[in-house]
Amino acid sequence: MAKQFKRAVFTPQVDSIGLYSQMLYAQVSEILYGRKSIAEGLLQAQKDAENMYQAEHLGK
């Protein structure tokens, strides 16, 4: 399918990328609906990602 486009970009092969993306998209939605500022949403997304990374890699 990618050959049909002039430029296609794929998600990097990272464990749990779907979960990380969901956390980011959740915060983007909060920003777009005006429930959080950009700074608040990005800070929360960073915290969520760091917590998940620690749980996945440091909790073993």
N, C-alpha and C. Protein backbone atom coordinates (compact mmCIF):
# COMPACT_ATOMS: atom_id res chain seq x y z
N MET A 1 0.81 -1.18 0.00
CA MET A 1 0.00 0.00 0.00
C MET A 1 0.86 1.26 0.00
N ALA A 2 1.98 1.23 0.71
CA ALA A 2 2.85 2.41 0.83
C ALA A 2 3.39 2.85 -0.52
N LYS A 3 3.51 1.93 -1.45
CA LYS A 3 4.05 2.26 -2.77
C LYS A 3 3.12 3.19 -3.55
N GLN A 4 1.87 3.30 -3.12
CA GLN A 4 0.90 4.16 -3.80
C GLN A 4 1.06 5.62 -3.43
N PHE A 5 1.85 5.92 -2.42
CA PHE A 5 2.06 7.28 -1.96
C PHE A 5 3.46 7.77 -2.34
N LYS A 6 3.59 9.06 -2.51
CA LYS A 6 4.90 9.62 -2.80
C LYS A 6 5.82 9.50 -1.60
N ARG A 7 5.23 9.60 -0.42
CA ARG A 7 6.03 9.51 0.80
C ARG A 7 5.21 8.80 1.87
N ALA A 8 5.77 7.77 2.44
CA ALA A 8 5.10 7.03 3.52
C ALA A 8 6.07 6.94 4.70
N VAL A 9 5.56 7.20 5.88
CA VAL A 9 6.36 7.12 7.09
C VAL A 9 5.72 6.09 8.01
N PHE A 10 6.53 5.19 8.50
CA PHE A 10 6.03 4.12 9.35
C PHE A 10 6.42 4.36 10.80
N THR A 11 5.61 3.86 11.69
CA THR A 11 5.91 3.92 13.11
C THR A 11 7.13 3.06 13.38
N PRO A 12 8.07 3.57 14.19
CA PRO A 12 9.26 2.76 14.50
C PRO A 12 8.88 1.48 15.24
N GLN A 13 9.69 0.47 15.06
CA GLN A 13 9.46 -0.80 15.74
C GLN A 13 9.91 -0.69 17.20
N VAL A 14 9.01 -0.29 18.03
CA VAL A 14 9.28 -0.10 19.46
C VAL A 14 8.25 -0.91 20.22
N ASP A 15 8.71 -1.64 21.23
CA ASP A 15 7.78 -2.39 22.06
C ASP A 15 6.74 -1.44 22.63
N SER A 16 5.50 -1.84 22.60
CA SER A 16 4.38 -1.09 23.19
C SER A 16 4.14 0.26 22.55
N ILE A 17 4.55 0.47 21.30
CA ILE A 17 4.36 1.77 20.66
C ILE A 17 2.89 2.15 20.63
N GLY A 18 2.02 1.17 20.48
CA GLY A 18 0.58 1.46 20.46
C GLY A 18 0.11 2.07 21.76
N LEU A 19 0.60 1.55 22.87
CA LEU A 19 0.21 2.10 24.18
C LEU A 19 0.76 3.50 24.39
N TYR A 20 2.00 3.70 23.97
CA TYR A 20 2.59 5.03 24.10
C TYR A 20 1.81 6.04 23.24
N SER A 21 1.45 5.61 22.04
CA SER A 21 0.69 6.49 21.15
C SER A 21 -0.67 6.82 21.74
N GLN A 22 -1.33 5.84 22.33
CA GLN A 22 -2.64 6.08 22.94
C GLN A 22 -2.54 7.12 24.06
N MET A 23 -1.49 7.04 24.85
CA MET A 23 -1.32 8.01 25.93
C MET A 23 -1.12 9.41 25.37
N LEU A 24 -0.32 9.52 24.31
CA LEU A 24 -0.10 10.82 23.69
C LEU A 24 -1.38 11.35 23.07
N TYR A 25 -2.10 10.50 22.34
CA TYR A 25 -3.34 10.93 21.69
C TYR A 25 -4.38 11.36 22.72
N ALA A 26 -4.41 10.69 23.86
CA ALA A 26 -5.35 11.08 24.92
C ALA A 26 -5.07 12.50 25.40
N GLN A 27 -3.81 12.82 25.53
CA GLN A 27 -3.45 14.17 25.98
C GLN A 27 -3.68 15.20 24.88
N VAL A 28 -3.44 14.83 23.63
CA VAL A 28 -3.72 15.73 22.51
C VAL A 28 -5.22 16.06 22.48
N SER A 29 -6.05 15.07 22.73
CA SER A 29 -7.50 15.31 22.78
C SER A 29 -7.85 16.28 23.89
N GLU A 30 -7.24 16.11 25.05
CA GLU A 30 -7.50 17.04 26.16
C GLU A 30 -7.12 18.47 25.78
N ILE A 31 -6.03 18.61 25.05
CA ILE A 31 -5.57 19.93 24.61
C ILE A 31 -6.56 20.50 23.59
N LEU A 32 -6.93 19.70 22.60
CA LEU A 32 -7.82 20.18 21.54
C LEU A 32 -9.20 20.57 22.06
N TYR A 33 -9.67 19.88 23.09
CA TYR A 33 -10.97 20.21 23.68
C TYR A 33 -10.87 21.32 24.72
N GLY A 34 -9.67 21.84 24.91
CA GLY A 34 -9.50 22.97 25.82
C GLY A 34 -9.52 22.61 27.30
N ARG A 35 -9.39 21.34 27.60
CA ARG A 35 -9.40 20.91 29.01
C ARG A 35 -8.03 21.03 29.64
N LYS A 36 -6.98 21.11 28.81
CA LYS A 36 -5.61 21.28 29.30
C LYS A 36 -4.88 22.22 28.37
N SER A 37 -3.89 22.90 28.93
CA SER A 37 -3.02 23.71 28.08
C SER A 37 -2.06 22.77 27.34
N ILE A 38 -1.39 23.28 26.33
CA ILE A 38 -0.42 22.46 25.61
C ILE A 38 0.67 21.98 26.56
N ALA A 39 1.17 22.88 27.39
CA ALA A 39 2.23 22.51 28.33
C ALA A 39 1.76 21.43 29.30
N GLU A 40 0.54 21.56 29.82
CA GLU A 40 0.01 20.56 30.76
C GLU A 40 -0.15 19.20 30.09
N GLY A 41 -0.71 19.21 28.89
CA GLY A 41 -0.94 17.95 28.19
C GLY A 41 0.35 17.24 27.83
N LEU A 42 1.32 17.98 27.34
CA LEU A 42 2.60 17.36 26.98
C LEU A 42 3.36 16.87 28.20
N LEU A 43 3.28 17.63 29.28
CA LEU A 43 3.92 17.20 30.52
C LEU A 43 3.29 15.91 31.03
N GLN A 44 1.96 15.82 30.97
CA GLN A 44 1.28 14.61 31.43
C GLN A 44 1.62 13.43 30.52
N ALA A 45 1.68 13.66 29.21
CA ALA A 45 2.04 12.59 28.28
C ALA A 45 3.44 12.08 28.58
N GLN A 46 4.36 12.99 28.88
CA GLN A 46 5.72 12.59 29.22
C GLN A 46 5.74 11.77 30.50
N LYS A 47 5.01 12.22 31.51
CA LYS A 47 4.96 11.47 32.78
C LYS A 47 4.38 10.08 32.56
N ASP A 48 3.28 10.00 31.78
CA ASP A 48 2.66 8.71 31.51
C ASP A 48 3.63 7.76 30.81
N ALA A 49 4.35 8.28 29.82
CA ALA A 49 5.31 7.45 29.08
C ALA A 49 6.45 7.00 29.97
N GLU A 50 6.96 7.90 30.79
CA GLU A 50 8.05 7.53 31.70
C GLU A 50 7.60 6.48 32.70
N ASN A 51 6.39 6.62 33.23
CA ASN A 51 5.87 5.64 34.18
C ASN A 51 5.70 4.28 33.53
N MET A 52 5.19 4.26 32.30
CA MET A 52 5.01 2.99 31.61
C MET A 52 6.35 2.35 31.30
N TYR A 53 7.31 3.16 30.86
CA TYR A 53 8.65 2.64 30.57
C TYR A 53 9.27 2.02 31.82
N GLN A 54 9.17 2.72 32.93
CA GLN A 54 9.72 2.19 34.18
C GLN A 54 9.03 0.90 34.57
N ALA A 55 7.72 0.84 34.43
CA ALA A 55 7.00 -0.37 34.79
C ALA A 55 7.41 -1.54 33.89
N GLU A 56 7.63 -1.25 32.61
CA GLU A 56 8.01 -2.31 31.66
C GLU A 56 9.44 -2.77 31.82
N HIS A 57 10.37 -1.83 32.07
CA HIS A 57 11.79 -2.16 32.02
C HIS A 57 12.48 -2.22 33.37
N LEU A 58 12.03 -1.45 34.30
CA LEU A 58 12.70 -1.44 35.59
C LEU A 58 12.01 -2.35 36.60
N GLY A 59 10.77 -2.71 36.30
CA GLY A 59 10.02 -3.55 37.21
C GLY A 59 10.30 -5.03 37.04
N LYS A 60 11.15 -5.36 36.09
CA LYS A 60 11.45 -6.79 35.80
C LYS A 60 12.50 -7.31 36.75
